[in-house]
Amino acid sequence: MLVNMKEMLADAAKNNYAVGGFNCSSLESGMAAVRASEETGMPFVLQFAPVHEQYLAMSVAGPLMLQLARAAKTPVAVHLDHGSSVEVCLRALAMGFTSVMFDGSALSYEDNKAATAAVAKTAHALGATIEAELGSMPHNYNGELGNYAPEDFYTKPEDAAEFAGDTGVDALAISFGTVHGIYKTTPKLSFDVIKKVRAATNGLPLVMHGGSGLTDADYREAVSCGIRKVNYYTYGAIAGGRGVYDLVKEKPEGLQFHDIAVRATKAIADDAARVMRVLAGKI
């Protein structure tokens, strides 16, 4: 069933768990996330990130995601991930997305706050929810990060309190040591940042980006400190690729594309289901 994130995140806060945010970069990945949700009984957020336009246009992904959500037996929010402009957020809302993220983390603090507030006003008028990002999270898509000081990227609790109050956001993505992409070294996480930001924002639902590649213990600790949504993509996509690789080895001759799609969907769904159980404290 299609919902927005507000009640979903409120229930997560009440019962001390986190919902997964799974990006839809193909029909198979979207179907896999729904399958995992129905298998586990967990609500989740089906997301589209503009960076995935190279695989699937938003004009195609949006209607696809909305239909998958409406047909699902579990609550599903359809969300724009990392909307880097007000325009793309408004376009997603016009398509029927029930939630959007305005990512102004590359802007100055004041510009980020002003743009986020503008998107929040429109989203709330349409009955949708909004996520924003405060703090800068490094990218490690190709393992390019070497030694770096994670504290340089941490979200400041005092800034978060002012930002949340002035914008009215429903969820806030924060930086506490995770990175986007693949971990080449052990991540340097500060769970104290989560606790302090949560306290400063009066329990505002907090979001973890760069969640792939962490240990189950890391997830559990982050959730216990106040993380209510965890974005997960990279390692799920790797699981799908591994499933296809194994299939090619099993059947080197006569392999057809629909066989590949079925195997990739199952592999991604199995991985997503495991993550959902971890976030729910069931593993």
C-alpha atoms as a PDB file:
ATOM      1  CA  MET A   1       0.000   0.000   0.000  1.00  0.00           C
ATOM      2  CA  LEU A   2       1.227   3.480  -0.847  1.00  0.00           C
ATOM      3  CA  VAL A   3       1.945   5.701   2.181  1.00  0.00           C
ATOM      4  CA  ASN A   4       4.182   8.597   3.133  1.00  0.00           C
ATOM      5  CA  MET A   5       6.987   8.249   5.660  1.00  0.00           C
ATOM      6  CA  LYS A   6       5.485  10.140   8.604  1.00  0.00           C
ATOM      7  CA  GLU A   7       3.525   7.358  10.296  1.00  0.00           C
ATOM      8  CA  MET A   8       6.111   4.798   9.207  1.00  0.00           C
ATOM      9  CA  LEU A   9       8.928   6.673  10.948  1.00  0.00           C
ATOM     10  CA  ALA A  10       6.753   7.416  13.987  1.00  0.00           C
ATOM     11  CA  ASP A  11       6.123   3.698  14.452  1.00  0.00           C
ATOM     12  CA  ALA A  12       9.837   2.992  14.005  1.00  0.00           C
ATOM     13  CA  ALA A  13      10.637   5.518  16.741  1.00  0.00           C
ATOM     14  CA  LYS A  14       7.964   4.116  19.060  1.00  0.00           C
ATOM     15  CA  ASN A  15       9.183   0.550  18.648  1.00  0.00           C
ATOM     16  CA  ASN A  16      12.907   1.291  18.273  1.00  0.00           C
ATOM     17  CA  TYR A  17      13.616  -0.029  14.796  1.00  0.00           C
ATOM     18  CA  ALA A  18      14.571   1.461  11.421  1.00  0.00           C
ATOM     19  CA  VAL A  19      13.010   1.160   7.985  1.00  0.00           C
ATOM     20  CA  GLY A  20      15.143   0.458   4.953  1.00  0.00           C
ATOM     21  CA  GLY A  21      15.378   2.822   2.010  1.00  0.00           C
ATOM     22  CA  PHE A  22      16.036   0.753  -1.127  1.00  0.00           C
ATOM     23  CA  ASN A  23      16.784   2.442  -4.440  1.00  0.00           C
ATOM     24  CA  CYS A  24      14.967   1.369  -7.575  1.00  0.00           C
ATOM     25  CA  SER A  25      17.392   1.492 -10.494  1.00  0.00           C
ATOM     26  CA  SER A  26      15.576  -1.213 -12.461  1.00  0.00           C
ATOM     27  CA  LEU A  27      12.308  -3.131 -12.482  1.00  0.00           C
ATOM     28  CA  GLU A  28      14.102  -6.046 -10.847  1.00  0.00           C
ATOM     29  CA  SER A  29      15.458  -4.031  -7.915  1.00  0.00           C
ATOM     30  CA  GLY A  30      12.039  -2.512  -7.252  1.00  0.00           C
ATOM     31  CA  MET A  31      10.317  -5.905  -7.374  1.00  0.00           C
ATOM     32  CA  ALA A  32      13.016  -7.377  -5.115  1.00  0.00           C
ATOM     33  CA  ALA A  33      12.467  -4.755  -2.411  1.00  0.00           C
ATOM     34  CA  VAL A  34       8.706  -5.355  -2.420  1.00  0.00           C
ATOM     35  CA  ARG A  35       9.271  -9.114  -2.249  1.00  0.00           C
ATOM     36  CA  ALA A  36      11.579  -8.692   0.741  1.00  0.00           C
ATOM     37  CA  SER A  37       9.056  -6.441   2.478  1.00  0.00           C
ATOM     38  CA  GLU A  38       6.209  -8.883   2.009  1.00  0.00           C
ATOM     39  CA  GLU A  39       8.395 -11.766   3.164  1.00  0.00           C
ATOM     40  CA  THR A  40       9.450  -9.996   6.365  1.00  0.00           C
ATOM     41  CA  GLY A  41       6.283  -7.980   6.981  1.00  0.00           C
ATOM     42  CA  MET A  42       8.396  -4.830   7.252  1.00  0.00           C
ATOM     43  CA  PRO A  43       7.411  -1.439   5.802  1.00  0.00           C
ATOM     44  CA  PHE A  44      10.054   0.226   3.655  1.00  0.00           C
ATOM     45  CA  VAL A  45      10.896   3.186   1.454  1.00  0.00           C
ATOM     46  CA  LEU A  46      11.216   2.609  -2.295  1.00  0.00           C
ATOM     47  CA  GLN A  47      13.545   5.298  -3.618  1.00  0.00           C
ATOM     48  CA  PHE A  48      14.741   6.793  -6.867  1.00  0.00           C
ATOM     49  CA  ALA A  49      17.977   8.778  -7.032  1.00  0.00           C
ATOM     50  CA  PRO A  50      18.654  11.068 -10.019  1.00  0.00           C
ATOM     51  CA  VAL A  51      22.131   9.530 -10.262  1.00  0.00           C
ATOM     52  CA  HIS A  52      20.386   6.393 -11.553  1.00  0.00           C
ATOM     53  CA  GLU A  53      18.920   8.189 -14.565  1.00  0.00           C
ATOM     54  CA  GLN A  54      21.659   6.492 -16.590  1.00  0.00           C
ATOM     55  CA  TYR A  55      19.942   3.151 -15.922  1.00  0.00           C
ATOM     56  CA  LEU A  56      16.273   4.122 -15.695  1.00  0.00           C
ATOM     57  CA  ALA A  57      14.710   7.513 -16.403  1.00  0.00           C
ATOM     58  CA  MET A  58      12.739   9.077 -13.574  1.00  0.00           C
ATOM     59  CA  SER A  59       9.813   9.490 -15.962  1.00  0.00           C
ATOM     60  CA  VAL A  60       9.701   5.683 -16.210  1.00  0.00           C
ATOM     61  CA  ALA A  61      10.796   4.858 -12.660  1.00  0.00           C
ATOM     62  CA  GLY A  62       8.202   7.075 -10.976  1.00  0.00           C
ATOM     63  CA  PRO A  63       5.046   5.399 -12.353  1.00  0.00           C
ATOM     64  CA  LEU A  64       6.687   1.982 -11.946  1.00  0.00           C
ATOM     65  CA  MET A  65       7.488   2.600  -8.274  1.00  0.00           C
ATOM     66  CA  LEU A  66       4.037   3.999  -7.537  1.00  0.00           C
ATOM     67  CA  GLN A  67       2.381   0.942  -9.052  1.00  0.00           C
ATOM     68  CA  LEU A  68       4.653  -1.429  -7.141  1.00  0.00           C
ATOM     69  CA  ALA A  69       3.808   0.417  -3.908  1.00  0.00           C
ATOM     70  CA  ARG A  70       0.059   0.425  -4.513  1.00  0.00           C
ATOM     71  CA  ALA A  71       0.067  -3.310  -5.240  1.00  0.00           C
ATOM     72  CA  ALA A  72       2.271  -4.223  -2.268  1.00  0.00           C
ATOM     73  CA  LYS A  73       0.733  -5.955   0.755  1.00  0.00           C
ATOM     74  CA  THR A  74       2.930  -3.923   3.097  1.00  0.00           C
ATOM     75  CA  PRO A  75       3.287  -0.130   3.616  1.00  0.00           C
ATOM     76  CA  VAL A  76       5.617   1.410   1.013  1.00  0.00           C
ATOM     77  CA  ALA A  77       6.623   5.070   0.735  1.00  0.00           C
ATOM     78  CA  VAL A  78       7.793   6.251  -2.699  1.00  0.00           C
ATOM     79  CA  HIS A  79      10.645   8.667  -2.154  1.00  0.00           C
ATOM     80  CA  LEU A  80      13.023  10.839  -4.159  1.00  0.00           C
ATOM     81  CA  ASP A  81      16.548  10.241  -2.871  1.00  0.00           C
ATOM     82  CA  HIS A  82      19.168  12.998  -3.100  1.00  0.00           C
ATOM     83  CA  GLY A  83      17.106  15.546  -4.988  1.00  0.00           C
ATOM     84  CA  SER A  84      19.805  18.112  -5.651  1.00  0.00           C
ATOM     85  CA  SER A  85      17.470  20.872  -6.843  1.00  0.00           C
ATOM     86  CA  VAL A  86      14.124  22.305  -5.850  1.00  0.00           C
ATOM     87  CA  GLU A  87      12.921  21.607  -9.386  1.00  0.00           C
ATOM     88  CA  VAL A  88      13.525  17.850  -9.303  1.00  0.00           C
ATOM     89  CA  CYS A  89      11.802  17.619  -5.912  1.00  0.00           C
ATOM     90  CA  LEU A  90       8.751  19.440  -7.258  1.00  0.00           C
ATOM     91  CA  ARG A  91       8.740  17.188 -10.321  1.00  0.00           C
ATOM     92  CA  ALA A  92       8.728  14.091  -8.106  1.00  0.00           C
ATOM     93  CA  LEU A  93       5.886  15.496  -6.005  1.00  0.00           C
ATOM     94  CA  ALA A  94       3.900  16.268  -9.142  1.00  0.00           C
ATOM     95  CA  MET A  95       4.340  12.653 -10.259  1.00  0.00           C
ATOM     96  CA  GLY A  96       2.815  11.426  -6.993  1.00  0.00           C
ATOM     97  CA  PHE A  97       5.897  10.596  -4.899  1.00  0.00           C
ATOM     98  CA  THR A  98       4.806  10.554  -1.259  1.00  0.00           C
ATOM     99  CA  SER A  99       8.157  11.766   0.021  1.00  0.00           C
ATOM    100  CA  VAL A 100      11.167  13.686  -1.251  1.00  0.00           C
ATOM    101  CA  MET A 101      14.660  14.426  -0.073  1.00  0.00           C
ATOM    102  CA  PHE A 102      16.143  17.796  -0.833  1.00  0.00           C
ATOM    103  CA  ASP A 103      19.903  17.396  -0.628  1.00  0.00           C
ATOM    104  CA  GLY A 104      21.403  20.823  -0.102  1.00  0.00           C
ATOM    105  CA  SER A 105      24.490  19.509   1.678  1.00  0.00           C
ATOM    106  CA  ALA A 106      26.728  21.069  -0.985  1.00  0.00           C
ATOM    107  CA  LEU A 107      25.162  24.504  -0.387  1.00  0.00           C
ATOM    108  CA  SER A 108      25.935  26.997   2.331  1.00  0.00           C
ATOM    109  CA  TYR A 109      24.032  26.407   5.561  1.00  0.00           C
ATOM    110  CA  GLU A 110      21.695  29.340   4.954  1.00  0.00           C
ATOM    111  CA  ASP A 111      21.001  28.421   1.323  1.00  0.00           C
ATOM    112  CA  ASN A 112      20.372  24.805   2.282  1.00  0.00           C
ATOM    113  CA  LYS A 113      17.941  25.899   4.972  1.00  0.00           C
ATOM    114  CA  ALA A 114      16.036  28.290   2.701  1.00  0.00           C
ATOM    115  CA  ALA A 115      15.661  25.799  -0.158  1.00  0.00           C
ATOM    116  CA  THR A 116      14.701  22.964   2.194  1.00  0.00           C
ATOM    117  CA  ALA A 117      12.006  25.106   3.789  1.00  0.00           C
ATOM    118  CA  ALA A 118      10.567  25.922   0.361  1.00  0.00           C
ATOM    119  CA  VAL A 119      10.377  22.259  -0.629  1.00  0.00           C
ATOM    120  CA  ALA A 120       8.927  21.346   2.774  1.00  0.00           C
ATOM    121  CA  LYS A 121       6.111  23.847   2.345  1.00  0.00           C
ATOM    122  CA  THR A 122       5.042  22.329  -0.971  1.00  0.00           C
ATOM    123  CA  ALA A 123       5.508  18.729   0.180  1.00  0.00           C
ATOM    124  CA  HIS A 124       3.387  19.230   3.278  1.00  0.00           C
ATOM    125  CA  ALA A 125       0.678  20.999   1.293  1.00  0.00           C
ATOM    126  CA  LEU A 126       0.445  17.855  -0.846  1.00  0.00           C
ATOM    127  CA  GLY A 127       0.411  15.491   2.131  1.00  0.00           C
ATOM    128  CA  ALA A 128       3.959  14.316   1.447  1.00  0.00           C
ATOM    129  CA  THR A 129       6.981  14.135   3.730  1.00  0.00           C
ATOM    130  CA  ILE A 130      10.429  15.629   3.335  1.00  0.00           C
ATOM    131  CA  GLU A 131      13.916  14.505   4.274  1.00  0.00           C
ATOM    132  CA  ALA A 132      16.916  16.827   4.235  1.00  0.00           C
ATOM    133  CA  GLU A 133      20.643  16.425   4.779  1.00  0.00           C
ATOM    134  CA  LEU A 134      22.887  18.352   7.133  1.00  0.00           C
ATOM    135  CA  GLY A 135      26.573  17.664   7.340  1.00  0.00           C
ATOM    136  CA  SER A 136      28.743  16.546   4.456  1.00  0.00           C
ATOM    137  CA  MET A 137      29.184  12.864   3.711  1.00  0.00           C
ATOM    138  CA  PRO A 138      32.204  11.885   1.606  1.00  0.00           C
ATOM    139  CA  HIS A 139      31.754   9.736  -1.496  1.00  0.00           C
ATOM    140  CA  ASN A 140      33.679   6.505  -1.947  1.00  0.00           C
ATOM    141  CA  TYR A 141      32.007   5.095  -5.054  1.00  0.00           C
ATOM    142  CA  ASN A 142      35.309   3.866  -6.483  1.00  0.00           C
ATOM    143  CA  GLY A 143      37.224   3.471  -3.244  1.00  0.00           C
ATOM    144  CA  GLU A 144      39.031   6.767  -3.787  1.00  0.00           C
ATOM    145  CA  LEU A 145      39.035   7.826  -0.135  1.00  0.00           C
ATOM    146  CA  GLY A 146      42.290   7.165   1.660  1.00  0.00           C
ATOM    147  CA  ASN A 147      42.983   8.467   5.140  1.00  0.00           C
ATOM    148  CA  TYR A 148      40.518  11.169   6.124  1.00  0.00           C
ATOM    149  CA  ALA A 149      39.231  12.743   9.316  1.00  0.00           C
ATOM    150  CA  PRO A 150      35.545  11.734   9.657  1.00  0.00           C
ATOM    151  CA  GLU A 151      34.945  14.360  12.340  1.00  0.00           C
ATOM    152  CA  ASP A 152      35.418  17.039   9.682  1.00  0.00           C
ATOM    153  CA  PHE A 153      32.140  15.833   8.147  1.00  0.00           C
ATOM    154  CA  TYR A 154      30.060  15.307  11.311  1.00  0.00           C
ATOM    155  CA  THR A 155      26.688  16.999  11.673  1.00  0.00           C
ATOM    156  CA  LYS A 156      26.710  19.607  14.449  1.00  0.00           C
ATOM    157  CA  PRO A 157      23.845  19.143  16.945  1.00  0.00           C
ATOM    158  CA  GLU A 158      23.281  22.868  17.401  1.00  0.00           C
ATOM    159  CA  ASP A 159      22.997  23.390  13.660  1.00  0.00           C
ATOM    160  CA  ALA A 160      20.617  20.438  13.390  1.00  0.00           C
ATOM    161  CA  ALA A 161      18.321  21.872  16.053  1.00  0.00           C
ATOM    162  CA  GLU A 162      18.057  25.234  14.315  1.00  0.00           C
ATOM    163  CA  PHE A 163      17.759  23.672  10.867  1.00  0.00           C
ATOM    164  CA  ALA A 164      14.951  21.317  11.873  1.00  0.00           C
ATOM    165  CA  GLY A 165      13.036  24.058  13.635  1.00  0.00           C
ATOM    166  CA  ASP A 166      13.303  26.515  10.762  1.00  0.00           C
ATOM    167  CA  THR A 167      12.487  24.056   7.949  1.00  0.00           C
ATOM    168  CA  GLY A 168       9.921  21.685   9.458  1.00  0.00           C
ATOM    169  CA  VAL A 169      11.534  18.592   7.934  1.00  0.00           C
ATOM    170  CA  ASP A 170      10.138  15.159   8.789  1.00  0.00           C
ATOM    171  CA  ALA A 171      13.507  13.381   8.767  1.00  0.00           C
ATOM    172  CA  LEU A 172      17.132  14.447   8.716  1.00  0.00           C
ATOM    173  CA  ALA A 173      20.068  12.628   7.126  1.00  0.00           C
ATOM    174  CA  ILE A 174      23.153  13.187   9.236  1.00  0.00           C
ATOM    175  CA  SER A 175      26.856  12.529   8.913  1.00  0.00           C
ATOM    176  CA  PHE A 176      28.479  10.456  11.669  1.00  0.00           C
ATOM    177  CA  GLY A 177      31.213   8.599   9.805  1.00  0.00           C
ATOM    178  CA  THR A 178      29.530   6.607   7.052  1.00  0.00           C
ATOM    179  CA  VAL A 179      30.382   7.136   3.385  1.00  0.00           C
ATOM    180  CA  HIS A 180      28.551   6.651   0.109  1.00  0.00           C
ATOM    181  CA  GLY A 181      29.793   3.680  -1.874  1.00  0.00           C
ATOM    182  CA  ILE A 182      32.170   0.838  -1.056  1.00  0.00           C
ATOM    183  CA  TYR A 183      34.166   0.645   2.170  1.00  0.00           C
ATOM    184  CA  LYS A 184      37.837  -0.055   1.553  1.00  0.00           C
ATOM    185  CA  THR A 185      38.701   0.251   5.251  1.00  0.00           C
ATOM    186  CA  THR A 186      36.766  -0.123   8.490  1.00  0.00           C
ATOM    187  CA  PRO A 187      34.384   2.853   8.817  1.00  0.00           C
ATOM    188  CA  LYS A 188      35.080   5.281  11.661  1.00  0.00           C
ATOM    189  CA  LEU A 189      31.660   5.837  13.189  1.00  0.00           C
ATOM    190  CA  SER A 190      30.658   8.159  16.034  1.00  0.00           C
ATOM    191  CA  PHE A 191      27.402   6.985  17.575  1.00  0.00           C
ATOM    192  CA  ASP A 192      27.622   9.907  20.016  1.00  0.00           C
ATOM    193  CA  VAL A 193      26.836  12.221  17.091  1.00  0.00           C
ATOM    194  CA  ILE A 194      23.537  10.387  16.559  1.00  0.00           C
ATOM    195  CA  LYS A 195      22.632  10.650  20.241  1.00  0.00           C
ATOM    196  CA  LYS A 196      23.477  14.334  20.437  1.00  0.00           C
ATOM    197  CA  VAL A 197      21.625  15.266  17.261  1.00  0.00           C
ATOM    198  CA  ARG A 198      18.602  13.245  18.327  1.00  0.00           C
ATOM    199  CA  ALA A 199      18.526  15.025  21.695  1.00  0.00           C
ATOM    200  CA  ALA A 200      19.021  18.449  20.117  1.00  0.00           C
ATOM    201  CA  THR A 201      16.160  17.898  17.642  1.00  0.00           C
ATOM    202  CA  ASN A 202      13.690  16.463  20.191  1.00  0.00           C
ATOM    203  CA  GLY A 203      13.695  12.990  18.713  1.00  0.00           C
ATOM    204  CA  LEU A 204      13.423  13.933  15.035  1.00  0.00           C
ATOM    205  CA  PRO A 205      13.758  10.733  12.920  1.00  0.00           C
ATOM    206  CA  LEU A 206      17.355  10.533  11.731  1.00  0.00           C
ATOM    207  CA  VAL A 207      18.560   8.895   8.537  1.00  0.00           C
ATOM    208  CA  MET A 208      21.735   6.966   7.787  1.00  0.00           C
ATOM    209  CA  HIS A 209      23.144   7.278   4.278  1.00  0.00           C
ATOM    210  CA  GLY A 210      26.102   5.158   3.259  1.00  0.00           C
ATOM    211  CA  GLY A 211      24.625   2.239   5.185  1.00  0.00           C
ATOM    212  CA  SER A 212      25.895  -0.537   2.926  1.00  0.00           C
ATOM    213  CA  GLY A 213      28.865  -2.517   4.146  1.00  0.00           C
ATOM    214  CA  LEU A 214      28.427  -1.980   7.884  1.00  0.00           C
ATOM    215  CA  THR A 215      28.292  -4.862  10.328  1.00  0.00           C
ATOM    216  CA  ASP A 216      25.018  -6.019  11.844  1.00  0.00           C
ATOM    217  CA  ALA A 217      26.292  -4.708  15.177  1.00  0.00           C
ATOM    218  CA  ASP A 218      26.844  -1.271  13.620  1.00  0.00           C
ATOM    219  CA  TYR A 219      23.259  -1.223  12.375  1.00  0.00           C
ATOM    220  CA  ARG A 220      21.891  -2.247  15.769  1.00  0.00           C
ATOM    221  CA  GLU A 221      23.901   0.406  17.590  1.00  0.00           C
ATOM    222  CA  ALA A 222      22.863   3.126  15.135  1.00  0.00           C
ATOM    223  CA  VAL A 223      19.205   2.173  15.523  1.00  0.00           C
ATOM    224  CA  SER A 224      19.438   2.146  19.309  1.00  0.00           C
ATOM    225  CA  CYS A 225      20.885   5.671  19.172  1.00  0.00           C
ATOM    226  CA  GLY A 226      18.074   7.096  17.017  1.00  0.00           C
ATOM    227  CA  ILE A 227      18.505   6.166  13.358  1.00  0.00           C
ATOM    228  CA  ARG A 228      15.030   5.480  11.933  1.00  0.00           C
ATOM    229  CA  LYS A 229      15.768   5.071   8.214  1.00  0.00           C
ATOM    230  CA  VAL A 230      18.767   3.419   6.580  1.00  0.00           C
ATOM    231  CA  ASN A 231      19.562   3.909   2.891  1.00  0.00           C
ATOM    232  CA  TYR A 232      20.920   0.744   1.323  1.00  0.00           C
ATOM    233  CA  TYR A 233      21.903   0.235  -2.300  1.00  0.00           C
ATOM    234  CA  THR A 234      25.501  -0.585  -3.228  1.00  0.00           C
ATOM    235  CA  TYR A 235      25.878  -3.959  -1.530  1.00  0.00           C
ATOM    236  CA  GLY A 236      22.404  -5.000  -2.628  1.00  0.00           C
ATOM    237  CA  ALA A 237      23.408  -4.313  -6.216  1.00  0.00           C
ATOM    238  CA  ILE A 238      26.569  -6.344  -5.643  1.00  0.00           C
ATOM    239  CA  ALA A 239      24.444  -9.216  -4.319  1.00  0.00           C
ATOM    240  CA  GLY A 240      22.416  -9.111  -7.537  1.00  0.00           C
ATOM    241  CA  GLY A 241      25.577  -9.133  -9.623  1.00  0.00           C
ATOM    242  CA  ARG A 242      26.948 -12.064  -7.661  1.00  0.00           C
ATOM    243  CA  GLY A 243      23.745 -14.000  -8.238  1.00  0.00           C
ATOM    244  CA  VAL A 244      24.030 -13.453 -11.979  1.00  0.00           C
ATOM    245  CA  TYR A 245      27.714 -14.411 -11.954  1.00  0.00           C
ATOM    246  CA  ASP A 246      26.887 -17.698 -10.230  1.00  0.00           C
ATOM    247  CA  LEU A 247      24.124 -18.372 -12.759  1.00  0.00           C
ATOM    248  CA  VAL A 248      26.495 -17.822 -15.687  1.00  0.00           C
ATOM    249  CA  LYS A 249      28.897 -20.363 -14.187  1.00  0.00           C
ATOM    250  CA  GLU A 250      26.035 -22.834 -13.697  1.00  0.00           C
ATOM    251  CA  LYS A 251      24.677 -22.372 -17.204  1.00  0.00           C
ATOM    252  CA  PRO A 252      27.376 -21.100 -19.583  1.00  0.00           C
ATOM    253  CA  GLU A 253      25.394 -22.157 -22.661  1.00  0.00           C
ATOM    254  CA  GLY A 254      21.869 -21.196 -23.652  1.00  0.00           C
ATOM    255  CA  LEU A 255      21.417 -18.608 -20.925  1.00  0.00           C
ATOM    256  CA  GLN A 256      18.520 -16.239 -21.649  1.00  0.00           C
ATOM    257  CA  PHE A 257      17.981 -12.749 -20.304  1.00  0.00           C
ATOM    258  CA  HIS A 258      14.816 -13.607 -18.397  1.00  0.00           C
ATOM    259  CA  ASP A 259      16.841 -16.194 -16.455  1.00  0.00           C
ATOM    260  CA  ILE A 260      19.266 -13.440 -15.483  1.00  0.00           C
ATOM    261  CA  ALA A 261      16.449 -11.101 -14.391  1.00  0.00           C
ATOM    262  CA  VAL A 262      14.848 -13.798 -12.232  1.00  0.00           C
ATOM    263  CA  ARG A 263      18.132 -14.739 -10.534  1.00  0.00           C
ATOM    264  CA  ALA A 264      19.118 -11.097  -9.925  1.00  0.00           C
ATOM    265  CA  THR A 265      15.715 -10.314  -8.430  1.00  0.00           C
ATOM    266  CA  LYS A 266      15.946 -13.246  -6.032  1.00  0.00           C
ATOM    267  CA  ALA A 267      19.488 -12.363  -4.961  1.00  0.00           C
ATOM    268  CA  ILE A 268      18.619  -8.721  -4.305  1.00  0.00           C
ATOM    269  CA  ALA A 269      15.422  -9.710  -2.478  1.00  0.00           C
ATOM    270  CA  ASP A 270      17.255 -12.173  -0.227  1.00  0.00           C
ATOM    271  CA  ASP A 271      19.829  -9.522   0.666  1.00  0.00           C
ATOM    272  CA  ALA A 272      17.177  -6.865   1.289  1.00  0.00           C
ATOM    273  CA  ALA A 273      15.167  -9.220   3.505  1.00  0.00           C
ATOM    274  CA  ARG A 274      18.226  -9.890   5.642  1.00  0.00           C
ATOM    275  CA  VAL A 275      18.861  -6.157   6.040  1.00  0.00           C
ATOM    276  CA  MET A 276      15.211  -5.515   6.949  1.00  0.00           C
ATOM    277  CA  ARG A 277      15.412  -8.164   9.665  1.00  0.00           C
ATOM    278  CA  VAL A 278      18.596  -6.639  11.049  1.00  0.00           C
ATOM    279  CA  LEU A 279      17.040  -3.173  11.167  1.00  0.00           C
ATOM    280  CA  ALA A 280      13.991  -4.616  12.916  1.00  0.00           C
ATOM    281  CA  GLY A 281      16.152  -6.352  15.524  1.00  0.00           C
ATOM    282  CA  LYS A 282      15.050  -9.786  14.325  1.00  0.00           C
ATOM    283  CA  ILE A 283      18.597 -10.987  13.632  1.00  0.00           C
END
